[in-house]
C-alpha atoms as a PDB file:
ATOM      1  CA  MET A   1       8.100   5.646   4.644  1.00  0.00           C
ATOM      2  CA  SER A   2       7.352   4.224   8.212  1.00  0.00           C
ATOM      3  CA  GLU A   3       7.160   0.591   8.781  1.00  0.00           C
ATOM      4  CA  ALA A   4       3.655   1.147  10.040  1.00  0.00           C
ATOM      5  CA  LEU A   5       2.794   2.249   6.379  1.00  0.00           C
ATOM      6  CA  LEU A   6       4.714  -0.673   4.586  1.00  0.00           C
ATOM      7  CA  ILE A   7       3.341  -3.299   6.933  1.00  0.00           C
ATOM      8  CA  SER A   8      -0.439  -2.325   6.428  1.00  0.00           C
ATOM      9  CA  TYR A   9      -0.171  -2.430   2.254  1.00  0.00           C
ATOM     10  CA  VAL A  10       1.817  -6.135   2.820  1.00  0.00           C
ATOM     11  CA  ASP A  11      -1.328  -6.971   5.020  1.00  0.00           C
ATOM     12  CA  LEU A  12      -3.766  -5.607   2.157  1.00  0.00           C
ATOM     13  CA  ILE A  13      -2.042  -6.742  -0.940  1.00  0.00           C
ATOM     14  CA  SER A  14      -2.254 -10.220   1.010  1.00  0.00           C
ATOM     15  CA  GLU A  15      -6.079  -9.814   1.350  1.00  0.00           C
ATOM     16  CA  GLY A  16      -6.145  -9.272  -2.241  1.00  0.00           C
ATOM     17  CA  THR A  17      -7.622  -5.006  -1.676  1.00  0.00           C
ATOM     18  CA  TYR A  18      -4.890  -3.749  -4.316  1.00  0.00           C
ATOM     19  CA  VAL A  19      -7.588  -1.044  -5.480  1.00  0.00           C
ATOM     20  CA  PRO A  20      -8.717   0.766  -1.996  1.00  0.00           C
ATOM     21  CA  ASN A  21      -4.732   0.351  -1.359  1.00  0.00           C
ATOM     22  CA  LEU A  22      -3.671   1.727  -4.923  1.00  0.00           C
ATOM     23  CA  LEU A  23      -6.189   4.644  -4.017  1.00  0.00           C
ATOM     24  CA  SER A  24      -4.825   5.396  -0.078  1.00  0.00           C
ATOM     25  CA  SER A  25      -1.468   5.962  -2.209  1.00  0.00           C
ATOM     26  CA  LEU A  26      -2.256   8.351  -4.241  1.00  0.00           C
ATOM     27  CA  LEU A  27      -3.987  10.200  -1.901  1.00  0.00           C
ATOM     28  CA  LEU A  28      -0.929  10.180   0.360  1.00  0.00           C
ATOM     29  CA  ASN A  29       1.153  10.801  -2.550  1.00  0.00           C
ATOM     30  CA  ILE A  30       3.209   7.899  -2.517  1.00  0.00           C
ATOM     31  CA  PRO A  31       4.117   5.143  -5.042  1.00  0.00           C
ATOM     32  CA  PRO A  32       2.307   1.902  -4.689  1.00  0.00           C
ATOM     33  CA  PRO A  33       2.881  -0.849  -2.901  1.00  0.00           C
ATOM     34  CA  LEU A  34       3.855  -3.097  -5.753  1.00  0.00           C
ATOM     35  CA  THR A  35       7.190  -1.164  -5.846  1.00  0.00           C
ATOM     36  CA  PHE A  36       8.145  -2.529  -2.779  1.00  0.00           C
ATOM     37  CA  VAL A  37       7.305  -6.252  -3.521  1.00  0.00           C
END
């Protein structure tokens, strides 16, 4: 996991756009960002 992706996850979560973020994580075949919280 690169820092850029992790930062983008934090930005998306802070903006309340969790659903698109979850979809992107599924497309990338990686765990949802909530696992980092």
